[in-house]
């Protein structure tokens, strides 16, 4: 099967749920994510920080979080 086909896409929870990335400036990172053509979702403020999620073009979910 050719790379990039739906069967090659990541399935949530297999082999992992998501990748977490810690950043100092969440707002600046969200601007970069949007500039790259990706769509942030599930924004939340929680103790002890703030976060949003984004799917990369292969469907891998990333949690972008800041504790600043």
Protein backbone atom coordinates (compact mmCIF):
# COMPACT_ATOMS: atom_id res chain seq x y z
CA UNK A 1 0.00 0.00 0.00
CA UNK A 2 1.35 3.46 -0.85
CA UNK A 3 2.41 5.78 1.95
CA UNK A 4 -0.12 8.42 2.83
CA UNK A 5 -3.18 6.28 2.22
CA UNK A 6 -5.93 6.18 4.85
CA UNK A 7 -4.80 2.74 6.04
CA UNK A 8 -1.42 4.27 6.93
CA UNK A 9 -3.01 6.95 9.10
CA UNK A 10 -2.57 7.01 12.83
CA UNK A 11 -5.44 5.54 14.85
CA UNK A 12 -6.05 7.38 18.16
CA UNK A 13 -4.95 5.23 21.05
CA UNK A 14 -2.79 2.96 18.88
CA UNK A 15 0.07 2.93 19.52
CA UNK A 16 -0.40 6.03 21.71
CA UNK A 17 -3.09 8.54 22.64
CA UNK A 18 -1.28 11.78 21.80
CA UNK A 19 2.06 13.55 21.95
CA UNK A 20 2.44 16.37 24.47
CA UNK A 21 4.58 19.42 23.72
CA UNK A 22 5.41 21.97 26.40
CA UNK A 23 5.84 25.57 25.19
CA UNK A 24 6.50 28.87 26.93
CA UNK A 25 4.09 30.97 24.83
CA UNK A 26 0.90 29.12 23.96
CA UNK A 27 -0.59 32.02 21.99
CA UNK A 28 2.49 32.34 19.79
CA UNK A 29 2.50 28.59 19.16
CA UNK A 30 -1.16 28.66 18.19
CA UNK A 31 -0.43 31.38 15.64
CA UNK A 32 2.36 29.21 14.18
CA UNK A 33 0.08 26.16 14.07
CA UNK A 34 -2.61 28.15 12.22
CA UNK A 35 -0.02 29.65 9.85
CA UNK A 36 0.99 26.08 8.98
CA UNK A 37 -2.62 25.39 7.93
CA UNK A 38 -3.51 23.24 10.94
CA UNK A 39 -6.66 23.65 13.03
CA UNK A 40 -6.34 23.90 16.82
CA UNK A 41 -9.22 22.50 18.90
CA UNK A 42 -10.22 21.63 22.48
CA UNK A 43 -8.76 24.75 24.07
CA UNK A 44 -8.79 24.62 27.86
CA UNK A 45 -7.53 26.50 30.87
CA UNK A 46 -6.91 24.13 33.76
CA UNK A 47 -4.80 23.93 36.87
CA UNK A 48 -1.83 24.27 36.34
CA UNK A 49 -1.85 25.56 32.75
CA UNK A 50 -3.49 26.11 29.36
CA UNK A 51 -3.65 23.83 26.33
CA UNK A 52 -5.02 23.09 22.92
CA UNK A 53 -4.86 20.09 20.62
CA UNK A 54 -4.03 19.81 16.95
CA UNK A 55 -3.86 16.98 14.42
CA UNK A 56 -0.91 16.83 12.06
CA UNK A 57 -1.47 15.93 8.37
CA UNK A 58 -1.12 12.22 9.25
CA UNK A 59 -3.80 12.46 11.93
CA UNK A 60 -1.43 12.27 14.91
CA UNK A 61 -2.84 14.25 17.82
CA UNK A 62 -0.62 16.73 19.65
CA UNK A 63 -1.41 18.44 22.94
CA UNK A 64 0.28 21.82 23.10
CA UNK A 65 0.51 22.96 26.71
CA UNK A 66 1.96 25.87 28.67
CA UNK A 67 2.44 26.15 32.40
CA UNK A 68 3.70 29.74 32.15
